[in-house]
Amino acid sequence: MSSIDLFQNPLRRWGKGKRRPTVRVKELHERDRRRVVRHFLGLEANDRLLRFGSMLPDERIEHYVSGIDFSGDMVFGVYNRLFRLVAVGHLAFAPREPGQSEVTEKERVAEFGVSVSKSARGLGIGSKLFERAAMHCRNHDVDTLYMHCLSSNKTMMHIARKAGMEIQRDYGEADAYLKLPPANPASVLQEALDEQFATFDYAMKANQRFAVKWLDRLRALWRARKP
């Protein structure tokens, strides 16, 4: 099954031309913490390096995820049709530091980190996660969004350039920030609709996964009872 098949909208309209994958970005919660751990531990070595800036061992990653404040930060995820978490975006908020007063007058700033599994690349998922994070910042009175990564992280650099972020490089690392416009009724409505669609999509995939497991159990019982 191709990566596009894992995200294809089952309610897509019939028509000519190439089918485009549907990517739904959903807010994650405390109950998703174990799935977030599995996602990070499943990253390949180079992807783990690019996401965290160093080759963190498994126990350090588990410690990092255990420290995520789901009530204060925002964590977004993308599930494929097999109900596997294949991308995670972490939006962390922090008080404005003295050196950031030239960039923003708001009380808080936000920093965003993202990772996408190898099986889900090439679908624009990283950009979708970034767009969702930026929308949330706008709607919660944060006008400056930062990203910190290695300069060799081509995916993050692509997202930063595509978003028009100001990029500063220093000793193999890069800091990028984006000034966001204020919220308006359209941005508030868009975020609400995005979450509703993502929640519906999540429920559909969860139910489908449950049905598949249930049928597999029935088949196993039937085979076990055959003479």
N, C-alpha and C. Protein backbone atom coordinates (compact mmCIF):
# COMPACT_ATOMS: atom_id res chain seq x y z
N MET A 1 0.85 -1.20 0.00
CA MET A 1 0.00 0.00 0.00
C MET A 1 0.88 1.24 0.00
N SER A 2 0.63 2.17 -0.86
CA SER A 2 1.45 3.37 -0.95
C SER A 2 1.11 4.33 0.17
N SER A 3 2.00 5.33 0.38
CA SER A 3 1.74 6.30 1.43
C SER A 3 0.50 7.11 1.13
N ILE A 4 0.22 7.39 -0.14
CA ILE A 4 -0.97 8.15 -0.49
C ILE A 4 -2.23 7.36 -0.11
N ASP A 5 -2.22 6.04 -0.35
CA ASP A 5 -3.37 5.22 -0.02
C ASP A 5 -3.69 5.28 1.47
N LEU A 6 -2.68 5.49 2.30
CA LEU A 6 -2.90 5.52 3.74
C LEU A 6 -3.65 6.77 4.19
N PHE A 7 -3.70 7.77 3.35
CA PHE A 7 -4.35 9.01 3.74
C PHE A 7 -5.52 9.38 2.83
N GLN A 8 -5.80 8.60 1.80
CA GLN A 8 -6.81 8.97 0.83
C GLN A 8 -8.18 9.07 1.50
N ASN A 9 -8.89 10.13 1.22
CA ASN A 9 -10.22 10.35 1.76
C ASN A 9 -11.19 9.34 1.15
N PRO A 10 -11.84 8.48 1.94
CA PRO A 10 -12.75 7.50 1.36
C PRO A 10 -13.99 8.13 0.76
N LEU A 11 -14.28 9.40 1.08
CA LEU A 11 -15.44 10.09 0.55
C LEU A 11 -15.07 11.02 -0.60
N ARG A 12 -13.89 10.77 -1.20
CA ARG A 12 -13.41 11.64 -2.27
C ARG A 12 -14.39 11.65 -3.44
N ARG A 13 -14.42 12.75 -4.15
CA ARG A 13 -15.27 12.85 -5.32
C ARG A 13 -14.61 12.13 -6.49
N TRP A 14 -15.45 11.50 -7.31
CA TRP A 14 -14.93 10.85 -8.50
C TRP A 14 -14.64 11.90 -9.54
N GLY A 15 -13.55 11.75 -10.25
CA GLY A 15 -13.22 12.71 -11.30
C GLY A 15 -11.88 12.38 -11.91
N LYS A 16 -11.55 13.14 -12.91
CA LYS A 16 -10.28 12.91 -13.59
C LYS A 16 -9.16 13.61 -12.85
N GLY A 17 -7.95 13.22 -13.20
CA GLY A 17 -6.79 13.86 -12.60
C GLY A 17 -6.26 13.06 -11.43
N LYS A 18 -5.12 13.47 -10.95
CA LYS A 18 -4.44 12.77 -9.87
C LYS A 18 -5.15 13.01 -8.55
N ARG A 19 -5.33 11.94 -7.78
CA ARG A 19 -5.96 12.07 -6.48
C ARG A 19 -4.98 12.71 -5.49
N ARG A 20 -5.49 13.59 -4.69
CA ARG A 20 -4.66 14.25 -3.69
C ARG A 20 -5.00 13.67 -2.32
N PRO A 21 -3.98 13.42 -1.51
CA PRO A 21 -4.24 12.85 -0.18
C PRO A 21 -4.89 13.89 0.74
N THR A 22 -5.72 13.39 1.63
CA THR A 22 -6.35 14.25 2.63
C THR A 22 -5.61 14.07 3.95
N VAL A 23 -5.09 15.13 4.49
CA VAL A 23 -4.33 15.09 5.74
C VAL A 23 -5.10 15.86 6.80
N ARG A 24 -5.48 15.18 7.86
CA ARG A 24 -6.19 15.80 8.97
C ARG A 24 -5.26 15.90 10.17
N VAL A 25 -5.11 17.10 10.69
CA VAL A 25 -4.25 17.35 11.84
C VAL A 25 -5.13 17.45 13.09
N LYS A 26 -4.89 16.58 14.04
CA LYS A 26 -5.73 16.52 15.24
C LYS A 26 -4.94 16.90 16.49
N GLU A 27 -5.60 17.60 17.38
CA GLU A 27 -4.99 17.90 18.68
C GLU A 27 -4.86 16.61 19.48
N LEU A 28 -3.68 16.40 20.07
CA LEU A 28 -3.44 15.23 20.90
C LEU A 28 -3.60 15.57 22.38
N HIS A 29 -3.89 14.54 23.16
CA HIS A 29 -4.15 14.74 24.58
C HIS A 29 -3.35 13.74 25.41
N GLU A 30 -3.58 13.78 26.72
CA GLU A 30 -2.85 12.92 27.64
C GLU A 30 -2.97 11.45 27.24
N ARG A 31 -4.15 11.04 26.77
CA ARG A 31 -4.35 9.63 26.41
C ARG A 31 -3.49 9.19 25.22
N ASP A 32 -2.95 10.16 24.48
CA ASP A 32 -2.12 9.85 23.32
C ASP A 32 -0.64 9.76 23.64
N ARG A 33 -0.28 9.92 24.89
CA ARG A 33 1.14 10.01 25.26
C ARG A 33 1.92 8.76 24.83
N ARG A 34 1.35 7.58 25.03
CA ARG A 34 2.06 6.34 24.65
C ARG A 34 2.26 6.25 23.14
N ARG A 35 1.28 6.74 22.39
CA ARG A 35 1.43 6.73 20.93
C ARG A 35 2.53 7.70 20.50
N VAL A 36 2.64 8.83 21.19
CA VAL A 36 3.70 9.78 20.88
C VAL A 36 5.07 9.15 21.13
N VAL A 37 5.20 8.42 22.24
CA VAL A 37 6.45 7.73 22.54
C VAL A 37 6.78 6.74 21.42
N ARG A 38 5.80 5.94 21.01
CA ARG A 38 6.04 4.95 19.95
C ARG A 38 6.45 5.63 18.65
N HIS A 39 5.84 6.77 18.36
CA HIS A 39 6.20 7.49 17.13
C HIS A 39 7.66 7.92 17.17
N PHE A 40 8.09 8.54 18.26
CA PHE A 40 9.47 9.02 18.35
C PHE A 40 10.47 7.85 18.35
N LEU A 41 10.15 6.78 19.07
CA LEU A 41 11.06 5.64 19.11
C LEU A 41 11.14 4.94 17.76
N GLY A 42 10.11 5.10 16.94
CA GLY A 42 10.12 4.48 15.62
C GLY A 42 10.83 5.28 14.56
N LEU A 43 11.27 6.50 14.89
CA LEU A 43 12.01 7.30 13.92
C LEU A 43 13.36 6.68 13.63
N GLU A 44 13.79 6.78 12.39
CA GLU A 44 15.12 6.30 12.04
C GLU A 44 16.18 7.18 12.70
N ALA A 45 17.40 6.67 12.76
CA ALA A 45 18.47 7.36 13.50
C ALA A 45 18.67 8.79 13.02
N ASN A 46 18.73 9.00 11.71
CA ASN A 46 18.95 10.34 11.20
C ASN A 46 17.76 11.25 11.49
N ASP A 47 16.55 10.72 11.42
CA ASP A 47 15.35 11.51 11.73
C ASP A 47 15.32 11.90 13.20
N ARG A 48 15.77 10.99 14.05
CA ARG A 48 15.83 11.31 15.49
C ARG A 48 16.84 12.43 15.74
N LEU A 49 17.96 12.38 15.02
CA LEU A 49 18.97 13.43 15.15
C LEU A 49 18.41 14.78 14.70
N LEU A 50 17.71 14.81 13.57
CA LEU A 50 17.18 16.06 13.06
C LEU A 50 16.08 16.61 13.96
N ARG A 51 15.28 15.73 14.54
CA ARG A 51 14.17 16.21 15.38
C ARG A 51 14.66 16.78 16.70
N PHE A 52 15.63 16.11 17.34
CA PHE A 52 16.05 16.52 18.67
C PHE A 52 17.40 17.22 18.70
N GLY A 53 18.08 17.29 17.57
CA GLY A 53 19.36 17.98 17.52
C GLY A 53 20.52 17.14 17.99
N SER A 54 20.25 15.93 18.49
CA SER A 54 21.29 15.00 18.92
C SER A 54 20.70 13.60 18.93
N MET A 55 21.57 12.60 19.00
CA MET A 55 21.11 11.22 19.00
C MET A 55 20.67 10.81 20.40
N LEU A 56 19.47 11.16 20.76
CA LEU A 56 18.97 10.82 22.09
C LEU A 56 18.70 9.33 22.20
N PRO A 57 19.11 8.70 23.29
CA PRO A 57 18.76 7.29 23.52
C PRO A 57 17.27 7.17 23.85
N ASP A 58 16.77 5.95 23.82
CA ASP A 58 15.34 5.73 24.04
C ASP A 58 14.87 6.30 25.37
N GLU A 59 15.65 6.11 26.41
CA GLU A 59 15.20 6.56 27.73
C GLU A 59 15.09 8.09 27.80
N ARG A 60 15.94 8.80 27.07
CA ARG A 60 15.85 10.26 27.05
C ARG A 60 14.59 10.71 26.30
N ILE A 61 14.26 10.00 25.25
CA ILE A 61 13.04 10.33 24.51
C ILE A 61 11.81 10.06 25.37
N GLU A 62 11.81 8.94 26.07
CA GLU A 62 10.69 8.63 26.96
C GLU A 62 10.56 9.69 28.05
N HIS A 63 11.70 10.16 28.56
CA HIS A 63 11.68 11.22 29.57
C HIS A 63 11.13 12.53 28.99
N TYR A 64 11.53 12.83 27.75
CA TYR A 64 11.04 14.04 27.09
C TYR A 64 9.52 14.00 26.93
N VAL A 65 9.01 12.88 26.47
CA VAL A 65 7.56 12.78 26.26
C VAL A 65 6.82 12.80 27.59
N SER A 66 7.38 12.18 28.63
CA SER A 66 6.72 12.18 29.94
C SER A 66 6.63 13.60 30.51
N GLY A 67 7.50 14.49 30.04
CA GLY A 67 7.49 15.87 30.54
C GLY A 67 6.64 16.82 29.73
N ILE A 68 6.03 16.35 28.65
CA ILE A 68 5.17 17.23 27.85
C ILE A 68 3.92 17.60 28.65
N ASP A 69 3.64 18.88 28.71
CA ASP A 69 2.46 19.38 29.43
C ASP A 69 1.32 19.54 28.42
N PHE A 70 0.48 18.53 28.33
CA PHE A 70 -0.60 18.57 27.36
C PHE A 70 -1.65 19.63 27.70
N SER A 71 -1.67 20.08 28.94
CA SER A 71 -2.64 21.10 29.33
C SER A 71 -2.13 22.51 29.03
N GLY A 72 -0.82 22.67 28.94
CA GLY A 72 -0.25 23.98 28.68
C GLY A 72 0.26 24.15 27.27
N ASP A 73 0.97 23.13 26.76
CA ASP A 73 1.44 23.14 25.38
C ASP A 73 0.33 22.61 24.46
N MET A 74 0.60 22.68 23.16
CA MET A 74 -0.30 22.08 22.18
C MET A 74 0.50 21.03 21.42
N VAL A 75 -0.07 19.85 21.33
CA VAL A 75 0.56 18.76 20.58
C VAL A 75 -0.42 18.31 19.50
N PHE A 76 0.05 18.28 18.28
CA PHE A 76 -0.79 17.89 17.15
C PHE A 76 -0.25 16.61 16.53
N GLY A 77 -1.14 15.84 15.94
CA GLY A 77 -0.71 14.59 15.32
C GLY A 77 -1.50 14.28 14.07
N VAL A 78 -0.94 13.38 13.28
CA VAL A 78 -1.59 12.90 12.07
C VAL A 78 -1.59 11.38 12.12
N TYR A 79 -2.78 10.80 11.96
CA TYR A 79 -2.95 9.35 11.92
C TYR A 79 -3.19 8.91 10.49
N ASN A 80 -2.58 7.78 10.11
CA ASN A 80 -2.88 7.24 8.79
C ASN A 80 -4.10 6.33 8.88
N ARG A 81 -4.46 5.70 7.78
CA ARG A 81 -5.68 4.90 7.76
C ARG A 81 -5.53 3.59 8.52
N LEU A 82 -4.31 3.24 8.89
CA LEU A 82 -4.07 2.08 9.74
C LEU A 82 -4.11 2.46 11.22
N PHE A 83 -4.51 3.70 11.49
CA PHE A 83 -4.62 4.24 12.84
C PHE A 83 -3.28 4.25 13.55
N ARG A 84 -2.25 4.62 12.80
CA ARG A 84 -0.92 4.78 13.36
C ARG A 84 -0.55 6.25 13.34
N LEU A 85 0.03 6.70 14.44
CA LEU A 85 0.47 8.08 14.53
C LEU A 85 1.77 8.23 13.74
N VAL A 86 1.71 8.94 12.62
CA VAL A 86 2.87 9.03 11.73
C VAL A 86 3.52 10.41 11.73
N ALA A 87 2.97 11.36 12.47
CA ALA A 87 3.56 12.70 12.53
C ALA A 87 3.13 13.38 13.81
N VAL A 88 4.06 14.12 14.41
CA VAL A 88 3.78 14.84 15.66
C VAL A 88 4.37 16.24 15.58
N GLY A 89 3.58 17.22 15.94
CA GLY A 89 4.05 18.59 16.05
C GLY A 89 3.85 19.08 17.48
N HIS A 90 4.90 19.58 18.09
CA HIS A 90 4.85 20.05 19.49
C HIS A 90 5.00 21.56 19.51
N LEU A 91 3.96 22.24 19.97
CA LEU A 91 3.96 23.70 20.08
C LEU A 91 4.07 24.06 21.55
N ALA A 92 5.23 24.55 21.94
CA ALA A 92 5.50 24.88 23.34
C ALA A 92 5.50 26.40 23.53
N PHE A 93 4.89 26.86 24.61
CA PHE A 93 4.80 28.28 24.91
C PHE A 93 5.75 28.64 26.04
N ALA A 94 6.29 29.85 25.97
CA ALA A 94 7.22 30.32 26.99
C ALA A 94 7.08 31.83 27.14
N PRO A 95 7.38 32.36 28.33
CA PRO A 95 7.33 33.81 28.49
C PRO A 95 8.36 34.50 27.60
N ARG A 96 8.03 35.67 27.15
CA ARG A 96 8.97 36.43 26.31
C ARG A 96 10.21 36.78 27.11
N GLU A 97 11.37 36.53 26.50
CA GLU A 97 12.64 36.85 27.14
C GLU A 97 13.06 38.28 26.78
N PRO A 98 13.95 38.88 27.58
CA PRO A 98 14.37 40.27 27.31
C PRO A 98 14.91 40.46 25.90
N GLY A 99 15.65 39.49 25.37
CA GLY A 99 16.22 39.62 24.05
C GLY A 99 15.21 39.54 22.93
N GLN A 100 13.97 39.15 23.26
CA GLN A 100 12.93 39.00 22.24
C GLN A 100 12.01 40.22 22.18
N SER A 101 12.30 41.23 22.97
CA SER A 101 11.43 42.41 23.01
C SER A 101 11.44 43.18 21.70
N GLU A 102 12.50 43.02 20.91
CA GLU A 102 12.55 43.71 19.63
C GLU A 102 11.68 43.02 18.59
N VAL A 103 11.33 41.76 18.85
CA VAL A 103 10.54 40.98 17.89
C VAL A 103 9.05 41.05 18.21
N THR A 104 8.72 41.01 19.50
CA THR A 104 7.30 40.99 19.88
C THR A 104 7.07 41.76 21.17
N GLU A 105 5.87 42.30 21.32
CA GLU A 105 5.46 42.94 22.55
C GLU A 105 4.50 42.07 23.35
N LYS A 106 4.18 40.91 22.84
CA LYS A 106 3.28 40.00 23.53
C LYS A 106 3.98 39.37 24.73
N GLU A 107 3.18 38.84 25.63
CA GLU A 107 3.74 38.25 26.85
C GLU A 107 4.36 36.88 26.60
N ARG A 108 3.90 36.19 25.56
CA ARG A 108 4.39 34.83 25.30
C ARG A 108 4.89 34.71 23.87
N VAL A 109 5.79 33.75 23.69
CA VAL A 109 6.21 33.32 22.35
C VAL A 109 5.99 31.81 22.28
N ALA A 110 6.11 31.26 21.08
CA ALA A 110 5.91 29.82 20.91
C ALA A 110 7.04 29.24 20.09
N GLU A 111 7.39 27.99 20.37
CA GLU A 111 8.40 27.28 19.60
C GLU A 111 7.79 25.98 19.10
N PHE A 112 8.09 25.64 17.85
CA PHE A 112 7.46 24.50 17.21
C PHE A 112 8.51 23.50 16.76
N GLY A 113 8.24 22.21 17.03
CA GLY A 113 9.08 21.12 16.56
C GLY A 113 8.19 20.08 15.90
N VAL A 114 8.69 19.43 14.86
CA VAL A 114 7.87 18.49 14.11
C VAL A 114 8.69 17.29 13.67
N SER A 115 8.03 16.14 13.58
CA SER A 115 8.66 14.93 13.06
C SER A 115 7.62 14.16 12.25
N VAL A 116 8.07 13.56 11.16
CA VAL A 116 7.20 12.78 10.27
C VAL A 116 7.88 11.45 9.99
N SER A 117 7.15 10.36 10.15
CA SER A 117 7.69 9.04 9.87
C SER A 117 8.04 8.90 8.39
N LYS A 118 9.01 8.05 8.11
CA LYS A 118 9.48 7.86 6.74
C LYS A 118 8.34 7.44 5.81
N SER A 119 7.41 6.63 6.30
CA SER A 119 6.32 6.12 5.47
C SER A 119 5.33 7.20 5.06
N ALA A 120 5.39 8.35 5.70
CA ALA A 120 4.39 9.40 5.44
C ALA A 120 5.00 10.66 4.83
N ARG A 121 6.20 10.56 4.30
CA ARG A 121 6.83 11.75 3.74
C ARG A 121 6.31 12.04 2.33
N GLY A 122 6.53 13.28 1.90
CA GLY A 122 6.17 13.67 0.56
C GLY A 122 4.71 14.03 0.39
N LEU A 123 3.97 14.15 1.50
CA LEU A 123 2.56 14.48 1.44
C LEU A 123 2.26 15.87 1.99
N GLY A 124 3.29 16.61 2.35
CA GLY A 124 3.08 17.95 2.90
C GLY A 124 2.58 17.95 4.33
N ILE A 125 2.81 16.84 5.06
CA ILE A 125 2.29 16.74 6.42
C ILE A 125 2.99 17.71 7.36
N GLY A 126 4.31 17.87 7.21
CA GLY A 126 5.03 18.82 8.06
C GLY A 126 4.49 20.23 7.91
N SER A 127 4.20 20.63 6.69
CA SER A 127 3.65 21.97 6.45
C SER A 127 2.25 22.10 7.04
N LYS A 128 1.45 21.04 6.94
CA LYS A 128 0.11 21.07 7.52
C LYS A 128 0.16 21.24 9.03
N LEU A 129 1.10 20.53 9.66
CA LEU A 129 1.26 20.68 11.11
C LEU A 129 1.68 22.09 11.48
N PHE A 130 2.60 22.65 10.69
CA PHE A 130 3.05 24.01 10.96
C PHE A 130 1.91 25.01 10.80
N GLU A 131 1.12 24.85 9.76
CA GLU A 131 -0.01 25.75 9.53
C GLU A 131 -1.00 25.70 10.68
N ARG A 132 -1.25 24.49 11.17
CA ARG A 132 -2.18 24.35 12.30
C ARG A 132 -1.62 25.02 13.56
N ALA A 133 -0.32 24.86 13.79
CA ALA A 133 0.31 25.49 14.94
C ALA A 133 0.27 27.01 14.83
N ALA A 134 0.55 27.54 13.65
CA ALA A 134 0.51 28.99 13.45
C ALA A 134 -0.90 29.54 13.65
N MET A 135 -1.90 28.80 13.19
CA MET A 135 -3.28 29.22 13.37
C MET A 135 -3.64 29.28 14.85
N HIS A 136 -3.19 28.28 15.60
CA HIS A 136 -3.48 28.27 17.04
C HIS A 136 -2.81 29.46 17.73
N CYS A 137 -1.58 29.76 17.35
CA CYS A 137 -0.89 30.91 17.93
C CYS A 137 -1.67 32.20 17.67
N ARG A 138 -2.07 32.40 16.43
CA ARG A 138 -2.85 33.60 16.06
C ARG A 138 -4.07 33.75 16.96
N ASN A 139 -4.77 32.64 17.16
CA ASN A 139 -6.04 32.70 17.88
C ASN A 139 -5.87 32.76 19.39
N HIS A 140 -4.63 32.69 19.87
CA HIS A 140 -4.38 32.74 21.31
C HIS A 140 -3.35 33.82 21.66
N ASP A 141 -3.40 34.90 20.91
CA ASP A 141 -2.65 36.12 21.21
C ASP A 141 -1.14 35.90 21.29
N VAL A 142 -0.62 35.06 20.39
CA VAL A 142 0.81 34.87 20.23
C VAL A 142 1.15 35.23 18.80
N ASP A 143 2.02 36.22 18.62
CA ASP A 143 2.29 36.71 17.27
C ASP A 143 3.68 36.34 16.74
N THR A 144 4.43 35.54 17.52
CA THR A 144 5.78 35.17 17.10
C THR A 144 5.99 33.68 17.32
N LEU A 145 6.29 32.98 16.24
CA LEU A 145 6.48 31.53 16.27
C LEU A 145 7.91 31.21 15.87
N TYR A 146 8.61 30.47 16.74
CA TYR A 146 10.01 30.12 16.52
C TYR A 146 10.16 28.65 16.13
N MET A 147 11.22 28.37 15.39
CA MET A 147 11.66 27.00 15.14
C MET A 147 13.17 26.98 15.30
N HIS A 148 13.67 25.97 16.00
CA HIS A 148 15.11 25.80 16.17
C HIS A 148 15.48 24.42 15.66
N CYS A 149 16.47 24.35 14.78
CA CYS A 149 16.84 23.05 14.21
C CYS A 149 18.26 23.11 13.66
N LEU A 150 18.75 21.97 13.26
CA LEU A 150 20.04 21.91 12.59
C LEU A 150 19.91 22.51 11.19
N SER A 151 20.94 23.19 10.75
CA SER A 151 20.91 23.76 9.40
C SER A 151 20.80 22.70 8.32
N SER A 152 21.21 21.47 8.66
CA SER A 152 21.14 20.37 7.70
C SER A 152 19.74 19.76 7.59
N ASN A 153 18.82 20.24 8.42
CA ASN A 153 17.46 19.71 8.40
C ASN A 153 16.71 20.35 7.23
N LYS A 154 16.80 19.72 6.06
CA LYS A 154 16.24 20.31 4.84
C LYS A 154 14.72 20.46 4.92
N THR A 155 14.07 19.51 5.59
CA THR A 155 12.61 19.58 5.69
C THR A 155 12.17 20.80 6.48
N MET A 156 12.80 21.02 7.63
CA MET A 156 12.46 22.19 8.44
C MET A 156 12.83 23.48 7.74
N MET A 157 13.96 23.48 7.06
CA MET A 157 14.35 24.67 6.32
C MET A 157 13.35 24.97 5.20
N HIS A 158 12.84 23.92 4.57
CA HIS A 158 11.84 24.11 3.52
C HIS A 158 10.55 24.69 4.09
N ILE A 159 10.12 24.15 5.24
CA ILE A 159 8.92 24.67 5.89
C ILE A 159 9.10 26.14 6.27
N ALA A 160 10.29 26.45 6.82
CA ALA A 160 10.56 27.82 7.25
C ALA A 160 10.54 28.78 6.06
N ARG A 161 11.20 28.41 4.97
CA ARG A 161 11.24 29.29 3.80
C ARG A 161 9.85 29.44 3.18
N LYS A 162 9.12 28.33 3.12
CA LYS A 162 7.78 28.37 2.55
C LYS A 162 6.85 29.28 3.34
N ALA A 163 7.05 29.32 4.66
CA ALA A 163 6.23 30.16 5.51
C ALA A 163 6.72 31.60 5.56
N GLY A 164 7.86 31.89 4.94
CA GLY A 164 8.41 33.23 4.96
C GLY A 164 9.07 33.60 6.27
N MET A 165 9.62 32.61 6.97
CA MET A 165 10.24 32.87 8.27
C MET A 165 11.60 33.52 8.09
N GLU A 166 11.96 34.34 9.07
CA GLU A 166 13.29 34.94 9.13
C GLU A 166 14.25 33.91 9.71
N ILE A 167 15.28 33.54 8.96
CA ILE A 167 16.19 32.46 9.36
C ILE A 167 17.55 33.03 9.72
N GLN A 168 18.08 32.61 10.87
CA GLN A 168 19.41 33.00 11.31
C GLN A 168 20.21 31.74 11.60
N ARG A 169 21.39 31.60 10.98
CA ARG A 169 22.22 30.41 11.15
C ARG A 169 23.43 30.74 12.01
N ASP A 170 23.83 29.75 12.83
CA ASP A 170 24.98 29.96 13.70
C ASP A 170 25.54 28.59 14.12
N TYR A 171 26.78 28.29 13.70
CA TYR A 171 27.49 27.08 14.11
C TYR A 171 26.67 25.81 13.83
N GLY A 172 26.18 25.68 12.63
CA GLY A 172 25.49 24.46 12.23
C GLY A 172 24.05 24.37 12.68
N GLU A 173 23.56 25.38 13.39
CA GLU A 173 22.17 25.39 13.83
C GLU A 173 21.47 26.60 13.24
N ALA A 174 20.15 26.54 13.27
CA ALA A 174 19.37 27.63 12.68
C ALA A 174 18.20 27.97 13.58
N ASP A 175 17.96 29.26 13.72
CA ASP A 175 16.77 29.77 14.41
C ASP A 175 15.94 30.52 13.38
N ALA A 176 14.67 30.22 13.36
CA ALA A 176 13.76 30.89 12.43
C ALA A 176 12.54 31.37 13.20
N TYR A 177 12.05 32.54 12.83
CA TYR A 177 10.84 33.01 13.49
C TYR A 177 9.90 33.64 12.46
N LEU A 178 8.64 33.59 12.78
CA LEU A 178 7.60 34.11 11.89
C LEU A 178 6.69 35.03 12.67
N LYS A 179 6.45 36.22 12.12
CA LYS A 179 5.49 37.14 12.70
C LYS A 179 4.10 36.81 12.17
N LEU A 180 3.16 36.63 13.08
CA LEU A 180 1.82 36.20 12.71
C LEU A 180 0.84 37.37 12.81
N PRO A 181 -0.13 37.41 11.90
CA PRO A 181 -1.16 38.45 11.99
C PRO A 181 -2.09 38.17 13.15
N PRO A 182 -2.86 39.15 13.59
CA PRO A 182 -3.80 38.92 14.69
C PRO A 182 -4.95 38.03 14.25
N ALA A 183 -5.64 37.49 15.23
CA ALA A 183 -6.79 36.63 14.94
C ALA A 183 -7.93 37.45 14.35
N ASN A 184 -8.78 36.76 13.62
CA ASN A 184 -10.01 37.35 13.11
C ASN A 184 -11.08 36.27 13.12
N PRO A 185 -12.33 36.61 12.87
CA PRO A 185 -13.38 35.57 12.90
C PRO A 185 -13.10 34.40 11.97
N ALA A 186 -12.51 34.66 10.82
CA ALA A 186 -12.22 33.59 9.87
C ALA A 186 -11.20 32.61 10.42
N SER A 187 -10.14 33.11 11.09
CA SER A 187 -9.10 32.22 11.63
C SER A 187 -9.65 31.39 12.78
N VAL A 188 -10.50 31.98 13.61
CA VAL A 188 -11.10 31.24 14.73
C VAL A 188 -12.01 30.13 14.20
N LEU A 189 -12.83 30.46 13.21
CA LEU A 189 -13.72 29.47 12.62
C LEU A 189 -12.93 28.36 11.93
N GLN A 190 -11.85 28.73 11.24
CA GLN A 190 -11.06 27.74 10.53
C GLN A 190 -10.44 26.73 11.48
N GLU A 191 -9.91 27.21 12.61
CA GLU A 191 -9.30 26.28 13.57
C GLU A 191 -10.35 25.34 14.14
N ALA A 192 -11.53 25.87 14.45
CA ALA A 192 -12.60 25.03 15.00
C ALA A 192 -13.03 23.96 14.00
N LEU A 193 -13.19 24.35 12.74
CA LEU A 193 -13.60 23.40 11.71
C LEU A 193 -12.52 22.34 11.48
N ASP A 194 -11.26 22.77 11.45
CA ASP A 194 -10.16 21.82 11.25
C ASP A 194 -10.17 20.75 12.33
N GLU A 195 -10.40 21.16 13.58
CA GLU A 195 -10.40 20.20 14.67
C GLU A 195 -11.61 19.28 14.60
N GLN A 196 -12.76 19.82 14.20
CA GLN A 196 -13.95 18.98 14.09
C GLN A 196 -13.79 17.92 13.01
N PHE A 197 -13.27 18.33 11.85
CA PHE A 197 -13.04 17.38 10.78
C PHE A 197 -12.01 16.32 11.19
N ALA A 198 -10.96 16.77 11.89
CA ALA A 198 -9.92 15.83 12.32
C ALA A 198 -10.46 14.85 13.36
N THR A 199 -11.32 15.32 14.26
CA THR A 199 -11.91 14.45 15.26
C THR A 199 -12.82 13.40 14.62
N PHE A 200 -13.59 13.82 13.63
CA PHE A 200 -14.44 12.88 12.90
C PHE A 200 -13.59 11.85 12.16
N ASP A 201 -12.53 12.31 11.54
CA ASP A 201 -11.62 11.42 10.82
C ASP A 201 -10.98 10.42 11.77
N TYR A 202 -10.59 10.90 12.95
CA TYR A 202 -9.98 10.05 13.97
C TYR A 202 -10.96 8.96 14.41
N ALA A 203 -12.22 9.34 14.65
CA ALA A 203 -13.22 8.37 15.07
C ALA A 203 -13.47 7.31 14.01
N MET A 204 -13.51 7.73 12.74
CA MET A 204 -13.72 6.79 11.65
C MET A 204 -12.58 5.78 11.59
N LYS A 205 -11.34 6.25 11.70
CA LYS A 205 -10.19 5.35 11.63
C LYS A 205 -10.13 4.43 12.84
N ALA A 206 -10.48 4.95 14.02
CA ALA A 206 -10.49 4.12 15.23
C ALA A 206 -11.53 3.02 15.12
N ASN A 207 -12.72 3.36 14.64
CA ASN A 207 -13.78 2.36 14.49
C ASN A 207 -13.41 1.32 13.44
N GLN A 208 -12.78 1.78 12.37
CA GLN A 208 -12.36 0.84 11.34
C GLN A 208 -11.31 -0.12 11.88
N ARG A 209 -10.38 0.41 12.65
CA ARG A 209 -9.35 -0.42 13.24
C ARG A 209 -9.95 -1.45 14.20
N PHE A 210 -10.93 -1.01 14.99
CA PHE A 210 -11.60 -1.91 15.93
C PHE A 210 -12.32 -3.02 15.17
N ALA A 211 -12.99 -2.66 14.08
CA ALA A 211 -13.72 -3.65 13.30
C ALA A 211 -12.78 -4.69 12.69
N VAL A 212 -11.62 -4.24 12.21
CA VAL A 212 -10.65 -5.16 11.63
C VAL A 212 -10.16 -6.14 12.69
N LYS A 213 -9.85 -5.64 13.88
CA LYS A 213 -9.38 -6.52 14.95
C LYS A 213 -10.46 -7.51 15.35
N TRP A 214 -11.71 -7.05 15.40
CA TRP A 214 -12.81 -7.92 15.78
C TRP A 214 -13.00 -9.04 14.76
N LEU A 215 -12.93 -8.70 13.49
CA LEU A 215 -13.06 -9.71 12.44
C LEU A 215 -11.89 -10.69 12.47
N ASP A 216 -10.70 -10.18 12.76
CA ASP A 216 -9.54 -11.07 12.86
C ASP A 216 -9.73 -12.08 14.00
N ARG A 217 -10.30 -11.65 15.11
CA ARG A 217 -10.55 -12.57 16.22
C ARG A 217 -11.58 -13.63 15.83
N LEU A 218 -12.64 -13.20 15.13
CA LEU A 218 -13.65 -14.15 14.69
C LEU A 218 -13.06 -15.20 13.75
N ARG A 219 -12.20 -14.76 12.82
CA ARG A 219 -11.56 -15.69 11.90
C ARG A 219 -10.68 -16.68 12.66
N ALA A 220 -9.94 -16.16 13.66
CA ALA A 220 -9.06 -17.03 14.44
C ALA A 220 -9.87 -18.07 15.21
N LEU A 221 -11.02 -17.65 15.79
CA LEU A 221 -11.86 -18.60 16.53
C LEU A 221 -12.46 -19.64 15.59
N TRP A 222 -12.88 -19.19 14.41
CA TRP A 222 -13.48 -20.12 13.45
C TRP A 222 -12.47 -21.16 12.98
N ARG A 223 -11.23 -20.72 12.74
CA ARG A 223 -10.19 -21.65 12.31
C ARG A 223 -9.84 -22.62 13.43
N ALA A 224 -9.85 -22.12 14.68
CA ALA A 224 -9.50 -22.99 15.80
C ALA A 224 -10.55 -24.07 16.02
N ARG A 225 -11.81 -23.79 15.66
CA ARG A 225 -12.89 -24.75 15.89
C ARG A 225 -13.11 -25.69 14.71
N LYS A 226 -12.45 -25.43 13.61
CA LYS A 226 -12.61 -26.31 12.45
C LYS A 226 -12.02 -27.68 12.77
N PRO A 227 -12.73 -28.75 12.38
CA PRO A 227 -12.21 -30.10 12.65
C PRO A 227 -10.98 -30.41 11.84
